[in-house]
Amino acid sequence: MTDDEFEKRMVSAIERALQKAGSDNGSDKPVSLQEAFDQGFEAMKGYIDRSFDEIQKELSHLAERIAAVEEKAGDPAP
């Protein structure tokens, strides 16, 4: 993912959080800027955490594949 794609996804996550906050509160009370920021930040943090988990899973899978290939080749990694 490029930096531009990442930024677009982050902006989208923040926009969704702001829209959700607005619809959850209805017209009864406006959402404070701090509350909107906090919700956007949590949405962004959740996205990053999920992305990090996926990267960890992929690296683990790649390490297993490398170990299997090295075992077949008779050249274990240090």
PDB file of N, CA and C in Angstrom:
ATOM      1  N   MET A   1       0.849  -1.161   0.000  1.00  0.00           N
ATOM      2  CA  MET A   1       0.000   0.000   0.000  1.00  0.00           C
ATOM      3  C   MET A   1       0.901   1.232   0.000  1.00  0.00           C
ATOM      4  N   THR A   2       0.597   2.184  -0.866  1.00  0.00           N
ATOM      5  CA  THR A   2       1.392   3.407  -0.921  1.00  0.00           C
ATOM      6  C   THR A   2       0.972   4.353   0.194  1.00  0.00           C
ATOM      7  N   ASP A   3       1.799   5.366   0.414  1.00  0.00           N
ATOM      8  CA  ASP A   3       1.468   6.364   1.437  1.00  0.00           C
ATOM      9  C   ASP A   3       0.158   7.064   1.111  1.00  0.00           C
ATOM     10  N   ASP A   4      -0.071   7.359  -0.185  1.00  0.00           N
ATOM     11  CA  ASP A   4      -1.318   8.022  -0.583  1.00  0.00           C
ATOM     12  C   ASP A   4      -2.529   7.152  -0.282  1.00  0.00           C
ATOM     13  N   GLU A   5      -2.435   5.854  -0.570  1.00  0.00           N
ATOM     14  CA  GLU A   5      -3.550   4.949  -0.284  1.00  0.00           C
ATOM     15  C   GLU A   5      -3.800   4.874   1.213  1.00  0.00           C
ATOM     16  N   PHE A   6      -2.730   4.820   1.986  1.00  0.00           N
ATOM     17  CA  PHE A   6      -2.851   4.764   3.440  1.00  0.00           C
ATOM     18  C   PHE A   6      -3.552   6.018   3.959  1.00  0.00           C
ATOM     19  N   GLU A   7      -3.114   7.186   3.468  1.00  0.00           N
ATOM     20  CA  GLU A   7      -3.725   8.440   3.907  1.00  0.00           C
ATOM     21  C   GLU A   7      -5.202   8.491   3.535  1.00  0.00           C
ATOM     22  N   LYS A   8      -5.543   8.031   2.341  1.00  0.00           N
ATOM     23  CA  LYS A   8      -6.946   8.027   1.918  1.00  0.00           C
ATOM     24  C   LYS A   8      -7.776   7.121   2.816  1.00  0.00           C
ATOM     25  N   ARG A   9      -7.238   5.971   3.180  1.00  0.00           N
ATOM     26  CA  ARG A   9      -7.967   5.058   4.067  1.00  0.00           C
ATOM     27  C   ARG A   9      -8.137   5.657   5.458  1.00  0.00           C
ATOM     28  N   MET A  10      -7.116   6.349   5.930  1.00  0.00           N
ATOM     29  CA  MET A  10      -7.213   6.972   7.248  1.00  0.00           C
ATOM     30  C   MET A  10      -8.266   8.077   7.245  1.00  0.00           C
ATOM     31  N   VAL A  11      -8.260   8.907   6.215  1.00  0.00           N
ATOM     32  CA  VAL A  11      -9.260   9.972   6.111  1.00  0.00           C
ATOM     33  C   VAL A  11     -10.648   9.366   6.040  1.00  0.00           C
ATOM     34  N   SER A  12     -10.793   8.305   5.271  1.00  0.00           N
ATOM     35  CA  SER A  12     -12.087   7.638   5.149  1.00  0.00           C
ATOM     36  C   SER A  12     -12.547   7.083   6.495  1.00  0.00           C
ATOM     37  N   ALA A  13     -11.639   6.481   7.253  1.00  0.00           N
ATOM     38  CA  ALA A  13     -11.989   5.938   8.569  1.00  0.00           C
ATOM     39  C   ALA A  13     -12.425   7.052   9.513  1.00  0.00           C
ATOM     40  N   ILE A  14     -11.738   8.170   9.465  1.00  0.00           N
ATOM     41  CA  ILE A  14     -12.099   9.299  10.325  1.00  0.00           C
ATOM     42  C   ILE A  14     -13.449   9.867   9.917  1.00  0.00           C
ATOM     43  N   GLU A  15     -13.679  10.001   8.601  1.00  0.00           N
ATOM     44  CA  GLU A  15     -14.976  10.500   8.127  1.00  0.00           C
ATOM     45  C   GLU A  15     -16.113   9.587   8.576  1.00  0.00           C
ATOM     46  N   ARG A  16     -15.906   8.273   8.471  1.00  0.00           N
ATOM     47  CA  ARG A  16     -16.946   7.330   8.905  1.00  0.00           C
ATOM     48  C   ARG A  16     -17.215   7.464  10.400  1.00  0.00           C
ATOM     49  N   ALA A  17     -16.157   7.623  11.182  1.00  0.00           N
ATOM     50  CA  ALA A  17     -16.337   7.785  12.629  1.00  0.00           C
ATOM     51  C   ALA A  17     -17.108   9.061  12.938  1.00  0.00           C
ATOM     52  N   LEU A  18     -16.805  10.138  12.217  1.00  0.00           N
ATOM     53  CA  LEU A  18     -17.520  11.394  12.438  1.00  0.00           C
ATOM     54  C   LEU A  18     -18.986  11.264  12.042  1.00  0.00           C
ATOM     55  N   GLN A  19     -19.245  10.609  10.903  1.00  0.00           N
ATOM     56  CA  GLN A  19     -20.627  10.418  10.465  1.00  0.00           C
ATOM     57  C   GLN A  19     -21.387   9.551  11.458  1.00  0.00           C
ATOM     58  N   LYS A  20     -20.737   8.496  11.938  1.00  0.00           N
ATOM     59  CA  LYS A  20     -21.389   7.613  12.914  1.00  0.00           C
ATOM     60  C   LYS A  20     -21.683   8.376  14.201  1.00  0.00           C
ATOM     61  N   ALA A  21     -20.737   9.176  14.642  1.00  0.00           N
ATOM     62  CA  ALA A  21     -20.949   9.959  15.861  1.00  0.00           C
ATOM     63  C   ALA A  21     -22.122  10.911  15.676  1.00  0.00           C
ATOM     64  N   GLY A  22     -22.211  11.516  14.519  1.00  0.00           N
ATOM     65  CA  GLY A  22     -23.314  12.428  14.245  1.00  0.00           C
ATOM     66  C   GLY A  22     -24.643  11.720  14.208  1.00  0.00           C
ATOM     67  N   SER A  23     -24.695  10.546  13.591  1.00  0.00           N
ATOM     68  CA  SER A  23     -25.964   9.816  13.505  1.00  0.00           C
ATOM     69  C   SER A  23     -26.335   9.191  14.846  1.00  0.00           C
ATOM     70  N   ASP A  24     -25.334   8.767  15.634  1.00  0.00           N
ATOM     71  CA  ASP A  24     -25.616   8.202  16.958  1.00  0.00           C
ATOM     72  C   ASP A  24     -26.206   9.255  17.893  1.00  0.00           C
ATOM     73  N   ASN A  25     -25.703  10.472  17.774  1.00  0.00           N
ATOM     74  CA  ASN A  25     -26.166  11.541  18.656  1.00  0.00           C
ATOM     75  C   ASN A  25     -27.421  12.223  18.121  1.00  0.00           C
ATOM     76  N   GLY A  26     -27.732  12.015  16.872  1.00  0.00           N
ATOM     77  CA  GLY A  26     -28.888  12.670  16.267  1.00  0.00           C
ATOM     78  C   GLY A  26     -28.712  14.173  16.310  1.00  0.00           C
ATOM     79  N   SER A  27     -29.792  14.868  16.347  1.00  0.00           N
ATOM     80  CA  SER A  27     -29.708  16.329  16.378  1.00  0.00           C
ATOM     81  C   SER A  27     -29.818  16.858  17.804  1.00  0.00           C
ATOM     82  N   ASP A  28     -29.839  15.951  18.781  1.00  0.00           N
ATOM     83  CA  ASP A  28     -29.995  16.373  20.172  1.00  0.00           C
ATOM     84  C   ASP A  28     -28.816  17.208  20.668  1.00  0.00           C
ATOM     85  N   LYS A  29     -27.620  16.729  20.384  1.00  0.00           N
ATOM     86  CA  LYS A  29     -26.458  17.481  20.863  1.00  0.00           C
ATOM     87  C   LYS A  29     -25.345  17.362  19.834  1.00  0.00           C
ATOM     88  N   PRO A  30     -24.633  18.442  19.600  1.00  0.00           N
ATOM     89  CA  PRO A  30     -23.532  18.382  18.633  1.00  0.00           C
ATOM     90  C   PRO A  30     -22.356  17.591  19.204  1.00  0.00           C
ATOM     91  N   VAL A  31     -21.592  16.997  18.320  1.00  0.00           N
ATOM     92  CA  VAL A  31     -20.401  16.255  18.727  1.00  0.00           C
ATOM     93  C   VAL A  31     -19.271  17.256  18.899  1.00  0.00           C
ATOM     94  N   SER A  32     -18.596  17.191  20.040  1.00  0.00           N
ATOM     95  CA  SER A  32     -17.475  18.104  20.259  1.00  0.00           C
ATOM     96  C   SER A  32     -16.325  17.715  19.344  1.00  0.00           C
ATOM     97  N   LEU A  33     -15.496  18.688  19.055  1.00  0.00           N
ATOM     98  CA  LEU A  33     -14.340  18.428  18.201  1.00  0.00           C
ATOM     99  C   LEU A  33     -13.441  17.380  18.839  1.00  0.00           C
ATOM    100  N   GLN A  34     -13.260  17.442  20.153  1.00  0.00           N
ATOM    101  CA  GLN A  34     -12.413  16.462  20.843  1.00  0.00           C
ATOM    102  C   GLN A  34     -13.000  15.065  20.728  1.00  0.00           C
ATOM    103  N   GLU A  35     -14.316  14.949  20.915  1.00  0.00           N
ATOM    104  CA  GLU A  35     -14.972  13.644  20.816  1.00  0.00           C
ATOM    105  C   GLU A  35     -14.853  13.087  19.397  1.00  0.00           C
ATOM    106  N   ALA A  36     -15.051  13.948  18.402  1.00  0.00           N
ATOM    107  CA  ALA A  36     -14.928  13.509  17.009  1.00  0.00           C
ATOM    108  C   ALA A  36     -13.497  13.068  16.719  1.00  0.00           C
ATOM    109  N   PHE A  37     -12.528  13.835  17.217  1.00  0.00           N
ATOM    110  CA  PHE A  37     -11.129  13.471  17.018  1.00  0.00           C
ATOM    111  C   PHE A  37     -10.825  12.137  17.684  1.00  0.00           C
ATOM    112  N   ASP A  38     -11.291  11.963  18.922  1.00  0.00           N
ATOM    113  CA  ASP A  38     -11.043  10.715  19.650  1.00  0.00           C
ATOM    114  C   ASP A  38     -11.626   9.516  18.909  1.00  0.00           C
ATOM    115  N   GLN A  39     -12.837   9.664  18.384  1.00  0.00           N
ATOM    116  CA  GLN A  39     -13.461   8.565  17.650  1.00  0.00           C
ATOM    117  C   GLN A  39     -12.711   8.282  16.351  1.00  0.00           C
ATOM    118  N   GLY A  40     -12.286   9.336  15.671  1.00  0.00           N
ATOM    119  CA  GLY A  40     -11.498   9.152  14.452  1.00  0.00           C
ATOM    120  C   GLY A  40     -10.166   8.491  14.741  1.00  0.00           C
ATOM    121  N   PHE A  41      -9.541   8.911  15.835  1.00  0.00           N
ATOM    122  CA  PHE A  41      -8.265   8.326  16.229  1.00  0.00           C
ATOM    123  C   PHE A  41      -8.422   6.843  16.540  1.00  0.00           C
ATOM    124  N   GLU A  42      -9.484   6.482  17.264  1.00  0.00           N
ATOM    125  CA  GLU A  42      -9.730   5.076  17.591  1.00  0.00           C
ATOM    126  C   GLU A  42      -9.967   4.255  16.323  1.00  0.00           C
ATOM    127  N   ALA A  43     -10.690   4.835  15.360  1.00  0.00           N
ATOM    128  CA  ALA A  43     -10.919   4.134  14.091  1.00  0.00           C
ATOM    129  C   ALA A  43      -9.592   3.904  13.373  1.00  0.00           C
ATOM    130  N   MET A  44      -8.742   4.931  13.364  1.00  0.00           N
ATOM    131  CA  MET A  44      -7.444   4.820  12.704  1.00  0.00           C
ATOM    132  C   MET A  44      -6.570   3.801  13.435  1.00  0.00           C
ATOM    133  N   LYS A  45      -6.577   3.842  14.758  1.00  0.00           N
ATOM    134  CA  LYS A  45      -5.781   2.904  15.553  1.00  0.00           C
ATOM    135  C   LYS A  45      -6.235   1.464  15.301  1.00  0.00           C
ATOM    136  N   GLY A  46      -7.542   1.253  15.225  1.00  0.00           N
ATOM    137  CA  GLY A  46      -8.062  -0.085  14.940  1.00  0.00           C
ATOM    138  C   GLY A  46      -7.593  -0.594  13.593  1.00  0.00           C
ATOM    139  N   TYR A  47      -7.594   0.290  12.599  1.00  0.00           N
ATOM    140  CA  TYR A  47      -7.135  -0.096  11.267  1.00  0.00           C
ATOM    141  C   TYR A  47      -5.658  -0.481  11.308  1.00  0.00           C
ATOM    142  N   ILE A  48      -4.859   0.316  11.986  1.00  0.00           N
ATOM    143  CA  ILE A  48      -3.423   0.036  12.070  1.00  0.00           C
ATOM    144  C   ILE A  48      -3.180  -1.271  12.815  1.00  0.00           C
ATOM    145  N   ASP A  49      -3.894  -1.492  13.915  1.00  0.00           N
ATOM    146  CA  ASP A  49      -3.738  -2.736  14.673  1.00  0.00           C
ATOM    147  C   ASP A  49      -4.081  -3.951  13.820  1.00  0.00           C
ATOM    148  N   ARG A  50      -5.181  -3.865  13.066  1.00  0.00           N
ATOM    149  CA  ARG A  50      -5.566  -4.989  12.197  1.00  0.00           C
ATOM    150  C   ARG A  50      -4.524  -5.209  11.106  1.00  0.00           C
ATOM    151  N   SER A  51      -4.010  -4.125  10.540  1.00  0.00           N
ATOM    152  CA  SER A  51      -2.983  -4.244   9.504  1.00  0.00           C
ATOM    153  C   SER A  51      -1.723  -4.883  10.079  1.00  0.00           C
ATOM    154  N   PHE A  52      -1.331  -4.478  11.281  1.00  0.00           N
ATOM    155  CA  PHE A  52      -0.146  -5.029  11.926  1.00  0.00           C
ATOM    156  C   PHE A  52      -0.323  -6.517  12.191  1.00  0.00           C
ATOM    157  N   ASP A  53      -1.504  -6.908  12.649  1.00  0.00           N
ATOM    158  CA  ASP A  53      -1.778  -8.329  12.891  1.00  0.00           C
ATOM    159  C   ASP A  53      -1.658  -9.133  11.605  1.00  0.00           C
ATOM    160  N   GLU A  54      -2.162  -8.593  10.505  1.00  0.00           N
ATOM    161  CA  GLU A  54      -2.072  -9.282   9.217  1.00  0.00           C
ATOM    162  C   GLU A  54      -0.616  -9.410   8.768  1.00  0.00           C
ATOM    163  N   ILE A  55       0.175  -8.378   8.989  1.00  0.00           N
ATOM    164  CA  ILE A  55       1.597  -8.425   8.627  1.00  0.00           C
ATOM    165  C   ILE A  55       2.308  -9.489   9.456  1.00  0.00           C
ATOM    166  N   GLN A  56       2.006  -9.553  10.754  1.00  0.00           N
ATOM    167  CA  GLN A  56       2.625 -10.567  11.612  1.00  0.00           C
ATOM    168  C   GLN A  56       2.266 -11.975  11.143  1.00  0.00           C
ATOM    169  N   LYS A  57       1.020 -12.195  10.779  1.00  0.00           N
ATOM    170  CA  LYS A  57       0.593 -13.508  10.290  1.00  0.00           C
ATOM    171  C   LYS A  57       1.330 -13.864   9.002  1.00  0.00           C
ATOM    172  N   GLU A  58       1.446 -12.901   8.105  1.00  0.00           N
ATOM    173  CA  GLU A  58       2.125 -13.148   6.831  1.00  0.00           C
ATOM    174  C   GLU A  58       3.603 -13.456   7.060  1.00  0.00           C
ATOM    175  N   LEU A  59       4.260 -12.712   7.951  1.00  0.00           N
ATOM    176  CA  LEU A  59       5.669 -12.974   8.244  1.00  0.00           C
ATOM    177  C   LEU A  59       5.859 -14.346   8.874  1.00  0.00           C
ATOM    178  N   SER A  60       4.970 -14.735   9.748  1.00  0.00           N
ATOM    179  CA  SER A  60       5.039 -16.052  10.371  1.00  0.00           C
ATOM    180  C   SER A  60       4.889 -17.146   9.319  1.00  0.00           C
ATOM    181  N   HIS A  61       3.936 -16.943   8.417  1.00  0.00           N
ATOM    182  CA  HIS A  61       3.714 -17.913   7.339  1.00  0.00           C
ATOM    183  C   HIS A  61       4.953 -18.005   6.442  1.00  0.00           C
ATOM    184  N   LEU A  62       5.541 -16.864   6.115  1.00  0.00           N
ATOM    185  CA  LEU A  62       6.742 -16.865   5.279  1.00  0.00           C
ATOM    186  C   LEU A  62       7.906 -17.553   5.986  1.00  0.00           C
ATOM    187  N   ALA A  63       8.052 -17.338   7.286  1.00  0.00           N
ATOM    188  CA  ALA A  63       9.125 -17.990   8.045  1.00  0.00           C
ATOM    189  C   ALA A  63       8.957 -19.506   8.015  1.00  0.00           C
ATOM    190  N   GLU A  64       7.725 -19.974   8.137  1.00  0.00           N
ATOM    191  CA  GLU A  64       7.462 -21.417   8.066  1.00  0.00           C
ATOM    192  C   GLU A  64       7.814 -21.963   6.685  1.00  0.00           C
ATOM    193  N   ARG A  65       7.446 -21.234   5.650  1.00  0.00           N
ATOM    194  CA  ARG A  65       7.751 -21.685   4.284  1.00  0.00           C
ATOM    195  C   ARG A  65       9.254 -21.713   4.033  1.00  0.00           C
ATOM    196  N   ILE A  66       9.963 -20.693   4.517  1.00  0.00           N
ATOM    197  CA  ILE A  66      11.420 -20.650   4.349  1.00  0.00           C
ATOM    198  C   ILE A  66      12.064 -21.815   5.083  1.00  0.00           C
ATOM    199  N   ALA A  67      11.616 -22.083   6.301  1.00  0.00           N
ATOM    200  CA  ALA A  67      12.170 -23.196   7.079  1.00  0.00           C
ATOM    201  C   ALA A  67      11.932 -24.522   6.369  1.00  0.00           C
ATOM    202  N   ALA A  68      10.760 -24.696   5.772  1.00  0.00           N
ATOM    203  CA  ALA A  68      10.455 -25.937   5.059  1.00  0.00           C
ATOM    204  C   ALA A  68      11.356 -26.098   3.834  1.00  0.00           C
ATOM    205  N   VAL A  69      11.575 -25.019   3.109  1.00  0.00           N
ATOM    206  CA  VAL A  69      12.446 -25.078   1.924  1.00  0.00           C
ATOM    207  C   VAL A  69      13.882 -25.360   2.344  1.00  0.00           C
ATOM    208  N   GLU A  70      14.346 -24.700   3.402  1.00  0.00           N
ATOM    209  CA  GLU A  70      15.711 -24.923   3.873  1.00  0.00           C
ATOM    210  C   GLU A  70      15.893 -26.352   4.379  1.00  0.00           C
ATOM    211  N   GLU A  71      14.867 -26.887   5.008  1.00  0.00           N
ATOM    212  CA  GLU A  71      14.937 -28.267   5.490  1.00  0.00           C
ATOM    213  C   GLU A  71      15.070 -29.232   4.317  1.00  0.00           C
ATOM    214  N   LYS A  72      14.304 -28.996   3.276  1.00  0.00           N
ATOM    215  CA  LYS A  72      14.387 -29.853   2.085  1.00  0.00           C
ATOM    216  C   LYS A  72      15.744 -29.725   1.408  1.00  0.00           C
ATOM    217  N   ALA A  73      16.317 -28.515   1.461  1.00  0.00           N
ATOM    218  CA  ALA A  73      17.610 -28.277   0.824  1.00  0.00           C
ATOM    219  C   ALA A  73      18.766 -28.724   1.715  1.00  0.00           C
ATOM    220  N   GLY A  74      18.475 -29.023   2.980  1.00  0.00           N
ATOM    221  CA  GLY A  74      19.520 -29.451   3.902  1.00  0.00           C
ATOM    222  C   GLY A  74      20.400 -28.315   4.367  1.00  0.00           C
ATOM    223  N   ASP A  75      19.878 -27.089   4.339  1.00  0.00           N
ATOM    224  CA  ASP A  75      20.643 -25.911   4.735  1.00  0.00           C
ATOM    225  C   ASP A  75      19.825 -25.075   5.711  1.00  0.00           C
ATOM    226  N   PRO A  76      19.750 -25.508   6.989  1.00  0.00           N
ATOM    227  CA  PRO A  76      18.934 -24.756   7.951  1.00  0.00           C
ATOM    228  C   PRO A  76      19.486 -23.362   8.214  1.00  0.00           C
ATOM    229  N   ALA A  77      18.587 -22.441   8.461  1.00  0.00           N
ATOM    230  CA  ALA A  77      18.984 -21.058   8.753  1.00  0.00           C
ATOM    231  C   ALA A  77      19.568 -20.983  10.159  1.00  0.00           C
ATOM    232  N   PRO A  78      20.454 -20.009  10.394  1.00  0.00           N
ATOM    233  CA  PRO A  78      21.051 -19.859  11.737  1.00  0.00           C
ATOM    234  C   PRO A  78      20.039 -19.391  12.742  1.00  0.00           C
TER     235      PRO A  78
END
